[in-house]
mmCIF file of all heavy atoms, coordinates in Angstrom:
data_MODEL
# 
_entry.id   MODEL 
# 
loop_
_atom_site.group_PDB 
_atom_site.id 
_atom_site.type_symbol 
_atom_site.label_atom_id 
_atom_site.label_alt_id 
_atom_site.label_comp_id 
_atom_site.label_asym_id 
_atom_site.label_entity_id 
_atom_site.label_seq_id 
_atom_site.pdbx_PDB_ins_code 
_atom_site.Cartn_x 
_atom_site.Cartn_y 
_atom_site.Cartn_z 
_atom_site.occupancy 
_atom_site.B_iso_or_equiv 
_atom_site.pdbx_formal_charge 
_atom_site.auth_seq_id 
_atom_site.auth_comp_id 
_atom_site.auth_asym_id 
_atom_site.auth_atom_id 
_atom_site.pdbx_PDB_model_num 
ATOM 1   N N   . ILE A 1 1  ? 101.258 95.444  91.297  1.00 0.00 ? 1  ILE A N   1 
ATOM 2   C CA  . ILE A 1 1  ? 101.346 95.105  92.704  1.00 0.00 ? 1  ILE A CA  1 
ATOM 3   C C   . ILE A 1 1  ? 102.745 95.599  93.260  1.00 0.00 ? 1  ILE A C   1 
ATOM 4   O O   . ILE A 1 1  ? 103.814 95.268  92.586  1.00 0.00 ? 1  ILE A O   1 
ATOM 5   C CB  . ILE A 1 1  ? 101.297 93.628  92.982  1.00 0.00 ? 1  ILE A CB  1 
ATOM 6   C CG1 . ILE A 1 1  ? 99.934  93.111  92.471  1.00 0.00 ? 1  ILE A CG1 1 
ATOM 7   C CG2 . ILE A 1 1  ? 101.412 93.308  94.500  1.00 0.00 ? 1  ILE A CG2 1 
ATOM 8   C CD1 . ILE A 1 1  ? 98.660  93.686  93.142  1.00 0.00 ? 1  ILE A CD1 1 
ATOM 9   N N   . CYS A 1 2  ? 102.832 96.343  94.303  1.00 0.00 ? 2  CYS A N   1 
ATOM 10  C CA  . CYS A 1 2  ? 104.033 96.786  94.875  1.00 0.00 ? 2  CYS A CA  1 
ATOM 11  C C   . CYS A 1 2  ? 104.553 95.730  95.844  1.00 0.00 ? 2  CYS A C   1 
ATOM 12  O O   . CYS A 1 2  ? 103.905 95.394  96.827  1.00 0.00 ? 2  CYS A O   1 
ATOM 13  C CB  . CYS A 1 2  ? 103.832 98.086  95.577  1.00 0.00 ? 2  CYS A CB  1 
ATOM 14  S SG  . CYS A 1 2  ? 105.357 98.705  96.421  1.00 0.00 ? 2  CYS A SG  1 
ATOM 15  N N   . LEU A 1 3  ? 105.723 95.106  95.488  1.00 0.00 ? 3  LEU A N   1 
ATOM 16  C CA  . LEU A 1 3  ? 106.380 94.094  96.257  1.00 0.00 ? 3  LEU A CA  1 
ATOM 17  C C   . LEU A 1 3  ? 107.570 94.604  96.877  1.00 0.00 ? 3  LEU A C   1 
ATOM 18  O O   . LEU A 1 3  ? 108.104 95.648  96.466  1.00 0.00 ? 3  LEU A O   1 
ATOM 19  C CB  . LEU A 1 3  ? 106.628 92.865  95.330  1.00 0.00 ? 3  LEU A CB  1 
ATOM 20  C CG  . LEU A 1 3  ? 105.453 92.225  94.847  1.00 0.00 ? 3  LEU A CG  1 
ATOM 21  C CD1 . LEU A 1 3  ? 105.789 91.289  93.566  1.00 0.00 ? 3  LEU A CD1 1 
ATOM 22  C CD2 . LEU A 1 3  ? 104.713 91.323  95.866  1.00 0.00 ? 3  LEU A CD2 1 
ATOM 23  N N   . PRO A 1 4  ? 108.255 93.939  97.791  1.00 0.00 ? 4  PRO A N   1 
ATOM 24  C CA  . PRO A 1 4  ? 109.462 94.447  98.370  1.00 0.00 ? 4  PRO A CA  1 
ATOM 25  C C   . PRO A 1 4  ? 110.534 94.619  97.265  1.00 0.00 ? 4  PRO A C   1 
ATOM 26  O O   . PRO A 1 4  ? 110.683 93.797  96.331  1.00 0.00 ? 4  PRO A O   1 
ATOM 27  C CB  . PRO A 1 4  ? 109.884 93.282  99.372  1.00 0.00 ? 4  PRO A CB  1 
ATOM 28  C CG  . PRO A 1 4  ? 108.650 92.649  99.734  1.00 0.00 ? 4  PRO A CG  1 
ATOM 29  C CD  . PRO A 1 4  ? 107.740 92.734  98.447  1.00 0.00 ? 4  PRO A CD  1 
ATOM 30  N N   . SER A 1 5  ? 111.263 95.706  97.372  1.00 0.00 ? 5  SER A N   1 
ATOM 31  C CA  . SER A 1 5  ? 112.260 96.023  96.319  1.00 0.00 ? 5  SER A CA  1 
ATOM 32  C C   . SER A 1 5  ? 113.541 95.161  96.547  1.00 0.00 ? 5  SER A C   1 
ATOM 33  O O   . SER A 1 5  ? 114.134 95.180  97.545  1.00 0.00 ? 5  SER A O   1 
ATOM 34  C CB  . SER A 1 5  ? 112.604 97.555  96.392  1.00 0.00 ? 5  SER A CB  1 
ATOM 35  O OG  . SER A 1 5  ? 113.677 97.839  95.529  1.00 0.00 ? 5  SER A OG  1 
ATOM 36  N N   . GLY A 1 6  ? 113.909 94.393  95.449  1.00 0.00 ? 6  GLY A N   1 
ATOM 37  C CA  . GLY A 1 6  ? 115.198 93.735  95.490  1.00 0.00 ? 6  GLY A CA  1 
ATOM 38  C C   . GLY A 1 6  ? 115.126 92.352  96.074  1.00 0.00 ? 6  GLY A C   1 
ATOM 39  O O   . GLY A 1 6  ? 116.133 91.628  96.002  1.00 0.00 ? 6  GLY A O   1 
ATOM 40  N N   . VAL A 1 7  ? 114.042 92.001  96.749  1.00 0.00 ? 7  VAL A N   1 
ATOM 41  C CA  . VAL A 1 7  ? 114.013 90.688  97.432  1.00 0.00 ? 7  VAL A CA  1 
ATOM 42  C C   . VAL A 1 7  ? 112.606 90.192  97.570  1.00 0.00 ? 7  VAL A C   1 
ATOM 43  O O   . VAL A 1 7  ? 111.725 90.969  97.490  1.00 0.00 ? 7  VAL A O   1 
ATOM 44  C CB  . VAL A 1 7  ? 114.680 90.906  98.879  1.00 0.00 ? 7  VAL A CB  1 
ATOM 45  C CG1 . VAL A 1 7  ? 113.874 91.744  99.826  1.00 0.00 ? 7  VAL A CG1 1 
ATOM 46  C CG2 . VAL A 1 7  ? 115.046 89.553  99.546  1.00 0.00 ? 7  VAL A CG2 1 
ATOM 47  N N   . LYS A 1 8  ? 112.472 88.838  97.671  1.00 0.00 ? 8  LYS A N   1 
ATOM 48  C CA  . LYS A 1 8  ? 111.125 88.340  97.879  1.00 0.00 ? 8  LYS A CA  1 
ATOM 49  C C   . LYS A 1 8  ? 110.654 88.543  99.254  1.00 0.00 ? 8  LYS A C   1 
ATOM 50  O O   . LYS A 1 8  ? 109.481 89.018  99.524  1.00 0.00 ? 8  LYS A O   1 
ATOM 51  C CB  . LYS A 1 8  ? 111.107 86.850  97.513  1.00 0.00 ? 8  LYS A CB  1 
ATOM 52  C CG  . LYS A 1 8  ? 109.755 86.132  97.804  1.00 0.00 ? 8  LYS A CG  1 
ATOM 53  C CD  . LYS A 1 8  ? 109.970 84.662  97.783  1.00 0.00 ? 8  LYS A CD  1 
ATOM 54  C CE  . LYS A 1 8  ? 108.674 84.061  98.372  1.00 0.00 ? 8  LYS A CE  1 
ATOM 55  N NZ  . LYS A 1 8  ? 108.951 82.528  98.662  1.00 0.00 ? 8  LYS A NZ  1 
ATOM 56  N N   . GLU A 1 9  ? 111.454 88.181  100.294 1.00 0.00 ? 9  GLU A N   1 
ATOM 57  C CA  . GLU A 1 9  ? 111.010 88.203  101.688 1.00 0.00 ? 9  GLU A CA  1 
ATOM 58  C C   . GLU A 1 9  ? 111.926 89.049  102.521 1.00 0.00 ? 9  GLU A C   1 
ATOM 59  O O   . GLU A 1 9  ? 113.198 88.994  102.404 1.00 0.00 ? 9  GLU A O   1 
ATOM 60  C CB  . GLU A 1 9  ? 111.143 86.705  102.221 1.00 0.00 ? 9  GLU A CB  1 
ATOM 61  C CG  . GLU A 1 9  ? 110.234 85.721  101.580 1.00 0.00 ? 9  GLU A CG  1 
ATOM 62  C CD  . GLU A 1 9  ? 110.631 84.385  102.008 1.00 0.00 ? 9  GLU A CD  1 
ATOM 63  O OE1 . GLU A 1 9  ? 110.430 84.068  103.204 1.00 0.00 ? 9  GLU A OE1 1 
ATOM 64  O OE2 . GLU A 1 9  ? 111.026 83.525  101.185 1.00 0.00 ? 9  GLU A OE2 1 
ATOM 65  N N   . THR A 1 10 ? 111.402 89.830  103.397 1.00 0.00 ? 10 THR A N   1 
ATOM 66  C CA  . THR A 1 10 ? 112.190 90.686  104.286 1.00 0.00 ? 10 THR A CA  1 
ATOM 67  C C   . THR A 1 10 ? 112.486 90.017  105.579 1.00 0.00 ? 10 THR A C   1 
ATOM 68  O O   . THR A 1 10 ? 113.388 90.298  106.244 1.00 0.00 ? 10 THR A O   1 
ATOM 69  C CB  . THR A 1 10 ? 111.458 92.001  104.547 1.00 0.00 ? 10 THR A CB  1 
ATOM 70  O OG1 . THR A 1 10 ? 110.247 91.729  105.324 1.00 0.00 ? 10 THR A OG1 1 
ATOM 71  C CG2 . THR A 1 10 ? 111.075 92.738  103.335 1.00 0.00 ? 10 THR A CG2 1 
ATOM 72  N N   . PHE A 1 11 ? 111.639 89.045  105.986 1.00 0.00 ? 11 PHE A N   1 
ATOM 73  C CA  . PHE A 1 11 ? 111.762 88.346  107.303 1.00 0.00 ? 11 PHE A CA  1 
ATOM 74  C C   . PHE A 1 11 ? 111.617 89.361  108.429 1.00 0.00 ? 11 PHE A C   1 
ATOM 75  O O   . PHE A 1 11 ? 112.221 89.151  109.487 1.00 0.00 ? 11 PHE A O   1 
ATOM 76  C CB  . PHE A 1 11 ? 113.063 87.576  107.453 1.00 0.00 ? 11 PHE A CB  1 
ATOM 77  C CG  . PHE A 1 11 ? 113.218 86.492  106.422 1.00 0.00 ? 11 PHE A CG  1 
ATOM 78  C CD1 . PHE A 1 11 ? 113.979 86.683  105.221 1.00 0.00 ? 11 PHE A CD1 1 
ATOM 79  C CD2 . PHE A 1 11 ? 112.634 85.269  106.559 1.00 0.00 ? 11 PHE A CD2 1 
ATOM 80  C CE1 . PHE A 1 11 ? 114.140 85.699  104.354 1.00 0.00 ? 11 PHE A CE1 1 
ATOM 81  C CE2 . PHE A 1 11 ? 112.722 84.255  105.670 1.00 0.00 ? 11 PHE A CE2 1 
ATOM 82  C CZ  . PHE A 1 11 ? 113.541 84.453  104.521 1.00 0.00 ? 11 PHE A CZ  1 
ATOM 83  N N   . PHE A 1 12 ? 110.960 90.435  108.218 1.00 0.00 ? 12 PHE A N   1 
ATOM 84  C CA  . PHE A 1 12 ? 110.890 91.516  109.176 1.00 0.00 ? 12 PHE A CA  1 
ATOM 85  C C   . PHE A 1 12 ? 110.171 91.106  110.472 1.00 0.00 ? 12 PHE A C   1 
ATOM 86  O O   . PHE A 1 12 ? 110.644 91.283  111.565 1.00 0.00 ? 12 PHE A O   1 
ATOM 87  C CB  . PHE A 1 12 ? 110.262 92.765  108.613 1.00 0.00 ? 12 PHE A CB  1 
ATOM 88  C CG  . PHE A 1 12 ? 110.128 93.985  109.567 1.00 0.00 ? 12 PHE A CG  1 
ATOM 89  C CD1 . PHE A 1 12 ? 111.274 94.571  110.066 1.00 0.00 ? 12 PHE A CD1 1 
ATOM 90  C CD2 . PHE A 1 12 ? 108.821 94.394  109.986 1.00 0.00 ? 12 PHE A CD2 1 
ATOM 91  C CE1 . PHE A 1 12 ? 111.001 95.576  111.009 1.00 0.00 ? 12 PHE A CE1 1 
ATOM 92  C CE2 . PHE A 1 12 ? 108.710 95.417  110.867 1.00 0.00 ? 12 PHE A CE2 1 
ATOM 93  C CZ  . PHE A 1 12 ? 109.823 95.980  111.416 1.00 0.00 ? 12 PHE A CZ  1 
ATOM 94  N N   . PHE A 1 13 ? 108.886 90.627  110.339 1.00 0.00 ? 13 PHE A N   1 
ATOM 95  C CA  . PHE A 1 13 ? 108.059 90.401  111.441 1.00 0.00 ? 13 PHE A CA  1 
ATOM 96  C C   . PHE A 1 13 ? 108.461 89.135  112.234 1.00 0.00 ? 13 PHE A C   1 
ATOM 97  O O   . PHE A 1 13 ? 107.905 88.989  113.354 1.00 0.00 ? 13 PHE A O   1 
ATOM 98  C CB  . PHE A 1 13 ? 106.612 90.293  111.109 1.00 0.00 ? 13 PHE A CB  1 
ATOM 99  C CG  . PHE A 1 13 ? 106.073 91.665  110.668 1.00 0.00 ? 13 PHE A CG  1 
ATOM 100 C CD1 . PHE A 1 13 ? 105.812 91.986  109.304 1.00 0.00 ? 13 PHE A CD1 1 
ATOM 101 C CD2 . PHE A 1 13 ? 105.860 92.676  111.657 1.00 0.00 ? 13 PHE A CD2 1 
ATOM 102 C CE1 . PHE A 1 13 ? 105.318 93.223  108.958 1.00 0.00 ? 13 PHE A CE1 1 
ATOM 103 C CE2 . PHE A 1 13 ? 105.311 93.880  111.229 1.00 0.00 ? 13 PHE A CE2 1 
ATOM 104 C CZ  . PHE A 1 13 ? 105.069 94.209  109.931 1.00 0.00 ? 13 PHE A CZ  1 
ATOM 105 N N   . ASP A 1 14 ? 109.364 88.397  111.805 1.00 0.00 ? 14 ASP A N   1 
ATOM 106 C CA  . ASP A 1 14 ? 109.796 87.179  112.610 1.00 0.00 ? 14 ASP A CA  1 
ATOM 107 C C   . ASP A 1 14 ? 111.291 87.298  113.033 1.00 0.00 ? 14 ASP A C   1 
ATOM 108 O O   . ASP A 1 14 ? 111.612 87.124  114.177 1.00 0.00 ? 14 ASP A O   1 
ATOM 109 C CB  . ASP A 1 14 ? 109.540 85.876  111.872 1.00 0.00 ? 14 ASP A CB  1 
ATOM 110 C CG  . ASP A 1 14 ? 110.116 85.766  110.478 1.00 0.00 ? 14 ASP A CG  1 
ATOM 111 O OD1 . ASP A 1 14 ? 110.464 86.830  109.944 1.00 0.00 ? 14 ASP A OD1 1 
ATOM 112 O OD2 . ASP A 1 14 ? 110.203 84.699  109.955 1.00 0.00 ? 14 ASP A OD2 1 
ATOM 113 N N   . LYS A 1 15 ? 112.158 87.672  112.029 1.00 0.00 ? 15 LYS A N   1 
ATOM 114 C CA  . LYS A 1 15 ? 113.534 87.613  112.371 1.00 0.00 ? 15 LYS A CA  1 
ATOM 115 C C   . LYS A 1 15 ? 114.276 88.950  112.484 1.00 0.00 ? 15 LYS A C   1 
ATOM 116 O O   . LYS A 1 15 ? 115.315 89.115  113.047 1.00 0.00 ? 15 LYS A O   1 
ATOM 117 C CB  . LYS A 1 15 ? 114.269 86.785  111.348 1.00 0.00 ? 15 LYS A CB  1 
ATOM 118 C CG  . LYS A 1 15 ? 113.801 85.279  111.266 1.00 0.00 ? 15 LYS A CG  1 
ATOM 119 C CD  . LYS A 1 15 ? 114.470 84.539  110.174 1.00 0.00 ? 15 LYS A CD  1 
ATOM 120 C CE  . LYS A 1 15 ? 113.897 83.112  110.058 1.00 0.00 ? 15 LYS A CE  1 
ATOM 121 N NZ  . LYS A 1 15 ? 114.491 82.343  108.952 1.00 0.00 ? 15 LYS A NZ  1 
ATOM 122 N N   . ARG A 1 16 ? 113.617 90.017  111.863 1.00 0.00 ? 16 ARG A N   1 
ATOM 123 C CA  . ARG A 1 16 ? 114.307 91.267  111.684 1.00 0.00 ? 16 ARG A CA  1 
ATOM 124 C C   . ARG A 1 16 ? 113.525 92.500  112.304 1.00 0.00 ? 16 ARG A C   1 
ATOM 125 O O   . ARG A 1 16 ? 113.765 93.600  111.930 1.00 0.00 ? 16 ARG A O   1 
ATOM 126 C CB  . ARG A 1 16 ? 114.803 91.548  110.253 1.00 0.00 ? 16 ARG A CB  1 
ATOM 127 C CG  . ARG A 1 16 ? 115.793 90.506  109.785 1.00 0.00 ? 16 ARG A CG  1 
ATOM 128 C CD  . ARG A 1 16 ? 116.372 90.953  108.427 1.00 0.00 ? 16 ARG A CD  1 
ATOM 129 N NE  . ARG A 1 16 ? 117.458 90.001  108.018 1.00 0.00 ? 16 ARG A NE  1 
ATOM 130 C CZ  . ARG A 1 16 ? 117.348 88.992  107.177 1.00 0.00 ? 16 ARG A CZ  1 
ATOM 131 N NH1 . ARG A 1 16 ? 116.202 88.850  106.521 1.00 0.00 ? 16 ARG A NH1 1 
ATOM 132 N NH2 . ARG A 1 16 ? 118.439 88.248  106.884 1.00 0.00 ? 16 ARG A NH2 1 
ATOM 133 N N   . PHE A 1 17 ? 112.707 92.083  113.247 1.00 0.00 ? 17 PHE A N   1 
ATOM 134 C CA  . PHE A 1 17 ? 111.832 93.207  113.776 1.00 0.00 ? 17 PHE A CA  1 
ATOM 135 C C   . PHE A 1 17 ? 112.656 94.289  114.435 1.00 0.00 ? 17 PHE A C   1 
ATOM 136 O O   . PHE A 1 17 ? 112.203 95.415  114.539 1.00 0.00 ? 17 PHE A O   1 
ATOM 137 C CB  . PHE A 1 17 ? 110.821 92.564  114.778 1.00 0.00 ? 17 PHE A CB  1 
ATOM 138 C CG  . PHE A 1 17 ? 109.640 93.395  115.045 1.00 0.00 ? 17 PHE A CG  1 
ATOM 139 C CD1 . PHE A 1 17 ? 108.746 93.785  114.127 1.00 0.00 ? 17 PHE A CD1 1 
ATOM 140 C CD2 . PHE A 1 17 ? 109.436 93.905  116.411 1.00 0.00 ? 17 PHE A CD2 1 
ATOM 141 C CE1 . PHE A 1 17 ? 107.650 94.650  114.409 1.00 0.00 ? 17 PHE A CE1 1 
ATOM 142 C CE2 . PHE A 1 17 ? 108.384 94.711  116.667 1.00 0.00 ? 17 PHE A CE2 1 
ATOM 143 C CZ  . PHE A 1 17 ? 107.413 95.094  115.628 1.00 0.00 ? 17 PHE A CZ  1 
ATOM 144 N N   . HIS A 1 18 ? 113.771 93.891  115.006 1.00 0.00 ? 18 HIS A N   1 
ATOM 145 C CA  . HIS A 1 18 ? 114.680 94.806  115.650 1.00 0.00 ? 18 HIS A CA  1 
ATOM 146 C C   . HIS A 1 18 ? 115.189 95.889  114.680 1.00 0.00 ? 18 HIS A C   1 
ATOM 147 O O   . HIS A 1 18 ? 115.758 96.958  115.175 1.00 0.00 ? 18 HIS A O   1 
ATOM 148 C CB  . HIS A 1 18 ? 115.870 94.103  116.368 1.00 0.00 ? 18 HIS A CB  1 
ATOM 149 C CG  . HIS A 1 18 ? 116.758 93.406  115.354 1.00 0.00 ? 18 HIS A CG  1 
ATOM 150 N ND1 . HIS A 1 18 ? 116.366 92.169  114.763 1.00 0.00 ? 18 HIS A ND1 1 
ATOM 151 C CD2 . HIS A 1 18 ? 117.939 93.766  114.808 1.00 0.00 ? 18 HIS A CD2 1 
ATOM 152 C CE1 . HIS A 1 18 ? 117.322 91.788  113.903 1.00 0.00 ? 18 HIS A CE1 1 
ATOM 153 N NE2 . HIS A 1 18 ? 118.339 92.762  113.976 1.00 0.00 ? 18 HIS A NE2 1 
ATOM 154 N N   . LYS A 1 19 ? 115.107 95.702  113.455 1.00 0.00 ? 19 LYS A N   1 
ATOM 155 C CA  . LYS A 1 19 ? 115.619 96.651  112.480 1.00 0.00 ? 19 LYS A CA  1 
ATOM 156 C C   . LYS A 1 19 ? 114.738 97.924  112.410 1.00 0.00 ? 19 LYS A C   1 
ATOM 157 O O   . LYS A 1 19 ? 115.221 98.948  111.976 1.00 0.00 ? 19 LYS A O   1 
ATOM 158 C CB  . LYS A 1 19 ? 115.744 96.104  111.028 1.00 0.00 ? 19 LYS A CB  1 
ATOM 159 C CG  . LYS A 1 19 ? 116.696 94.908  110.875 1.00 0.00 ? 19 LYS A CG  1 
ATOM 160 C CD  . LYS A 1 19 ? 118.094 95.513  110.782 1.00 0.00 ? 19 LYS A CD  1 
ATOM 161 C CE  . LYS A 1 19 ? 119.092 94.498  110.535 1.00 0.00 ? 19 LYS A CE  1 
ATOM 162 N NZ  . LYS A 1 19 ? 120.541 95.105  110.416 1.00 0.00 ? 19 LYS A NZ  1 
ATOM 163 N N   . GLY A 1 20 ? 113.531 97.811  112.896 1.00 0.00 ? 20 GLY A N   1 
ATOM 164 C CA  . GLY A 1 20 ? 112.688 98.924  112.902 1.00 0.00 ? 20 GLY A CA  1 
ATOM 165 C C   . GLY A 1 20 ? 111.780 99.195  111.734 1.00 0.00 ? 20 GLY A C   1 
ATOM 166 O O   . GLY A 1 20 ? 112.120 98.670  110.607 1.00 0.00 ? 20 GLY A O   1 
ATOM 167 N N   . ILE A 1 21 ? 110.702 99.851  111.854 1.00 0.00 ? 21 ILE A N   1 
ATOM 168 C CA  . ILE A 1 21 ? 109.707 100.015 110.887 1.00 0.00 ? 21 ILE A CA  1 
ATOM 169 C C   . ILE A 1 21 ? 110.210 100.766 109.726 1.00 0.00 ? 21 ILE A C   1 
ATOM 170 O O   . ILE A 1 21 ? 109.789 100.483 108.499 1.00 0.00 ? 21 ILE A O   1 
ATOM 171 C CB  . ILE A 1 21 ? 108.429 100.747 111.410 1.00 0.00 ? 21 ILE A CB  1 
ATOM 172 C CG1 . ILE A 1 21 ? 107.254 100.573 110.425 1.00 0.00 ? 21 ILE A CG1 1 
ATOM 173 C CG2 . ILE A 1 21 ? 108.679 102.134 111.847 1.00 0.00 ? 21 ILE A CG2 1 
ATOM 174 C CD1 . ILE A 1 21 ? 106.845 99.245  110.052 1.00 0.00 ? 21 ILE A CD1 1 
ATOM 175 N N   . ASN A 1 22 ? 111.130 101.731 109.831 1.00 0.00 ? 22 ASN A N   1 
ATOM 176 C CA  . ASN A 1 22 ? 111.694 102.443 108.704 1.00 0.00 ? 22 ASN A CA  1 
ATOM 177 C C   . ASN A 1 22 ? 112.464 101.583 107.740 1.00 0.00 ? 22 ASN A C   1 
ATOM 178 O O   . ASN A 1 22 ? 112.470 101.662 106.518 1.00 0.00 ? 22 ASN A O   1 
ATOM 179 C CB  . ASN A 1 22 ? 112.403 103.651 109.090 1.00 0.00 ? 22 ASN A CB  1 
ATOM 180 C CG  . ASN A 1 22 ? 111.539 104.719 109.753 1.00 0.00 ? 22 ASN A CG  1 
ATOM 181 O OD1 . ASN A 1 22 ? 110.430 104.822 109.407 1.00 0.00 ? 22 ASN A OD1 1 
ATOM 182 N ND2 . ASN A 1 22 ? 112.110 105.526 110.649 1.00 0.00 ? 22 ASN A ND2 1 
ATOM 183 N N   . TRP A 1 23 ? 113.224 100.622 108.349 1.00 0.00 ? 23 TRP A N   1 
ATOM 184 C CA  . TRP A 1 23 ? 113.997 99.639  107.602 1.00 0.00 ? 23 TRP A CA  1 
ATOM 185 C C   . TRP A 1 23 ? 113.027 98.813  106.760 1.00 0.00 ? 23 TRP A C   1 
ATOM 186 O O   . TRP A 1 23 ? 113.286 98.581  105.500 1.00 0.00 ? 23 TRP A O   1 
ATOM 187 C CB  . TRP A 1 23 ? 114.753 98.706  108.533 1.00 0.00 ? 23 TRP A CB  1 
ATOM 188 C CG  . TRP A 1 23 ? 115.625 97.639  107.898 1.00 0.00 ? 23 TRP A CG  1 
ATOM 189 C CD1 . TRP A 1 23 ? 116.924 97.758  107.456 1.00 0.00 ? 23 TRP A CD1 1 
ATOM 190 C CD2 . TRP A 1 23 ? 115.189 96.316  107.596 1.00 0.00 ? 23 TRP A CD2 1 
ATOM 191 N NE1 . TRP A 1 23 ? 117.329 96.509  106.907 1.00 0.00 ? 23 TRP A NE1 1 
ATOM 192 C CE2 . TRP A 1 23 ? 116.259 95.640  106.854 1.00 0.00 ? 23 TRP A CE2 1 
ATOM 193 C CE3 . TRP A 1 23 ? 114.068 95.669  107.699 1.00 0.00 ? 23 TRP A CE3 1 
ATOM 194 C CZ2 . TRP A 1 23 ? 116.262 94.430  106.522 1.00 0.00 ? 23 TRP A CZ2 1 
ATOM 195 C CZ3 . TRP A 1 23 ? 113.920 94.278  107.155 1.00 0.00 ? 23 TRP A CZ3 1 
ATOM 196 C CH2 . TRP A 1 23 ? 115.071 93.661  106.706 1.00 0.00 ? 23 TRP A CH2 1 
ATOM 197 N N   . TYR A 1 24 ? 111.964 98.408  107.353 1.00 0.00 ? 24 TYR A N   1 
ATOM 198 C CA  . TYR A 1 24 ? 110.892 97.516  106.628 1.00 0.00 ? 24 TYR A CA  1 
ATOM 199 C C   . TYR A 1 24 ? 110.234 98.385  105.577 1.00 0.00 ? 24 TYR A C   1 
ATOM 200 O O   . TYR A 1 24 ? 110.189 97.939  104.387 1.00 0.00 ? 24 TYR A O   1 
ATOM 201 C CB  . TYR A 1 24 ? 109.902 97.072  107.586 1.00 0.00 ? 24 TYR A CB  1 
ATOM 202 C CG  . TYR A 1 24 ? 108.876 96.195  107.046 1.00 0.00 ? 24 TYR A CG  1 
ATOM 203 C CD1 . TYR A 1 24 ? 109.107 95.026  106.307 1.00 0.00 ? 24 TYR A CD1 1 
ATOM 204 C CD2 . TYR A 1 24 ? 107.500 96.546  107.133 1.00 0.00 ? 24 TYR A CD2 1 
ATOM 205 C CE1 . TYR A 1 24 ? 108.156 94.205  105.767 1.00 0.00 ? 24 TYR A CE1 1 
ATOM 206 C CE2 . TYR A 1 24 ? 106.487 95.741  106.645 1.00 0.00 ? 24 TYR A CE2 1 
ATOM 207 C CZ  . TYR A 1 24 ? 106.892 94.558  106.015 1.00 0.00 ? 24 TYR A CZ  1 
ATOM 208 O OH  . TYR A 1 24 ? 105.864 93.745  105.432 1.00 0.00 ? 24 TYR A OH  1 
ATOM 209 N N   . GLY A 1 25 ? 109.888 99.580  105.941 1.00 0.00 ? 25 GLY A N   1 
ATOM 210 C CA  . GLY A 1 25 ? 109.068 100.497 104.942 1.00 0.00 ? 25 GLY A CA  1 
ATOM 211 C C   . GLY A 1 25 ? 109.940 100.841 103.762 1.00 0.00 ? 25 GLY A C   1 
ATOM 212 O O   . GLY A 1 25 ? 109.400 101.050 102.648 1.00 0.00 ? 25 GLY A O   1 
ATOM 213 N N   . ALA A 1 26 ? 111.303 100.881 103.850 1.00 0.00 ? 26 ALA A N   1 
ATOM 214 C CA  . ALA A 1 26 ? 112.070 101.288 102.792 1.00 0.00 ? 26 ALA A CA  1 
ATOM 215 C C   . ALA A 1 26 ? 112.091 100.196 101.633 1.00 0.00 ? 26 ALA A C   1 
ATOM 216 O O   . ALA A 1 26 ? 112.524 100.488 100.500 1.00 0.00 ? 26 ALA A O   1 
ATOM 217 C CB  . ALA A 1 26 ? 113.562 101.437 103.272 1.00 0.00 ? 26 ALA A CB  1 
ATOM 218 N N   . HIS A 1 27 ? 111.596 99.026  101.909 1.00 0.00 ? 27 HIS A N   1 
ATOM 219 C CA  . HIS A 1 27 ? 111.529 97.988  100.886 1.00 0.00 ? 27 HIS A CA  1 
ATOM 220 C C   . HIS A 1 27 ? 110.332 98.276  99.893  1.00 0.00 ? 27 HIS A C   1 
ATOM 221 O O   . HIS A 1 27 ? 110.308 97.686  98.878  1.00 0.00 ? 27 HIS A O   1 
ATOM 222 C CB  . HIS A 1 27 ? 111.278 96.601  101.543 1.00 0.00 ? 27 HIS A CB  1 
ATOM 223 C CG  . HIS A 1 27 ? 112.457 96.092  102.251 1.00 0.00 ? 27 HIS A CG  1 
ATOM 224 N ND1 . HIS A 1 27 ? 112.804 96.431  103.593 1.00 0.00 ? 27 HIS A ND1 1 
ATOM 225 C CD2 . HIS A 1 27 ? 113.388 95.195  101.838 1.00 0.00 ? 27 HIS A CD2 1 
ATOM 226 C CE1 . HIS A 1 27 ? 113.951 95.767  103.868 1.00 0.00 ? 27 HIS A CE1 1 
ATOM 227 N NE2 . HIS A 1 27 ? 114.287 94.990  102.827 1.00 0.00 ? 27 HIS A NE2 1 
ATOM 228 N N   . PHE A 1 28 ? 109.379 99.084  100.279 1.00 0.00 ? 28 PHE A N   1 
ATOM 229 C CA  . PHE A 1 28 ? 108.139 99.229  99.577  1.00 0.00 ? 28 PHE A CA  1 
ATOM 230 C C   . PHE A 1 28 ? 108.113 100.662 98.886  1.00 0.00 ? 28 PHE A C   1 
ATOM 231 O O   . PHE A 1 28 ? 107.280 101.430 99.230  1.00 0.00 ? 28 PHE A O   1 
ATOM 232 C CB  . PHE A 1 28 ? 106.933 98.980  100.376 1.00 0.00 ? 28 PHE A CB  1 
ATOM 233 C CG  . PHE A 1 28 ? 106.938 97.623  100.997 1.00 0.00 ? 28 PHE A CG  1 
ATOM 234 C CD1 . PHE A 1 28 ? 107.484 97.428  102.256 1.00 0.00 ? 28 PHE A CD1 1 
ATOM 235 C CD2 . PHE A 1 28 ? 106.445 96.527  100.217 1.00 0.00 ? 28 PHE A CD2 1 
ATOM 236 C CE1 . PHE A 1 28 ? 107.427 96.153  102.825 1.00 0.00 ? 28 PHE A CE1 1 
ATOM 237 C CE2 . PHE A 1 28 ? 106.610 95.202  100.823 1.00 0.00 ? 28 PHE A CE2 1 
ATOM 238 C CZ  . PHE A 1 28 ? 107.014 94.975  102.058 1.00 0.00 ? 28 PHE A CZ  1 
ATOM 239 N N   . LYS A 1 29 ? 108.966 100.890 97.948  1.00 0.00 ? 29 LYS A N   1 
ATOM 240 C CA  . LYS A 1 29 ? 109.039 102.201 97.233  1.00 0.00 ? 29 LYS A CA  1 
ATOM 241 C C   . LYS A 1 29 ? 108.245 101.992 95.921  1.00 0.00 ? 29 LYS A C   1 
ATOM 242 O O   . LYS A 1 29 ? 108.521 101.207 95.075  1.00 0.00 ? 29 LYS A O   1 
ATOM 243 C CB  . LYS A 1 29 ? 110.450 102.524 96.877  1.00 0.00 ? 29 LYS A CB  1 
ATOM 244 C CG  . LYS A 1 29 ? 111.290 102.769 98.238  1.00 0.00 ? 29 LYS A CG  1 
ATOM 245 C CD  . LYS A 1 29 ? 112.649 103.131 97.840  1.00 0.00 ? 29 LYS A CD  1 
ATOM 246 C CE  . LYS A 1 29 ? 113.495 103.448 99.110  1.00 0.00 ? 29 LYS A CE  1 
ATOM 247 N NZ  . LYS A 1 29 ? 114.884 103.746 98.737  1.00 0.00 ? 29 LYS A NZ  1 
# 
C-alpha cells in the first residue's frame, strides 16, 4: 500500500489545502 511518505497524516483537505495539489501529491511517491 502506498501511504504518505514520512508522515501518517497530511491534513491537506482540511487544514493545508492552500498548499496546493502538488504539495499533497509529493507525499505519495
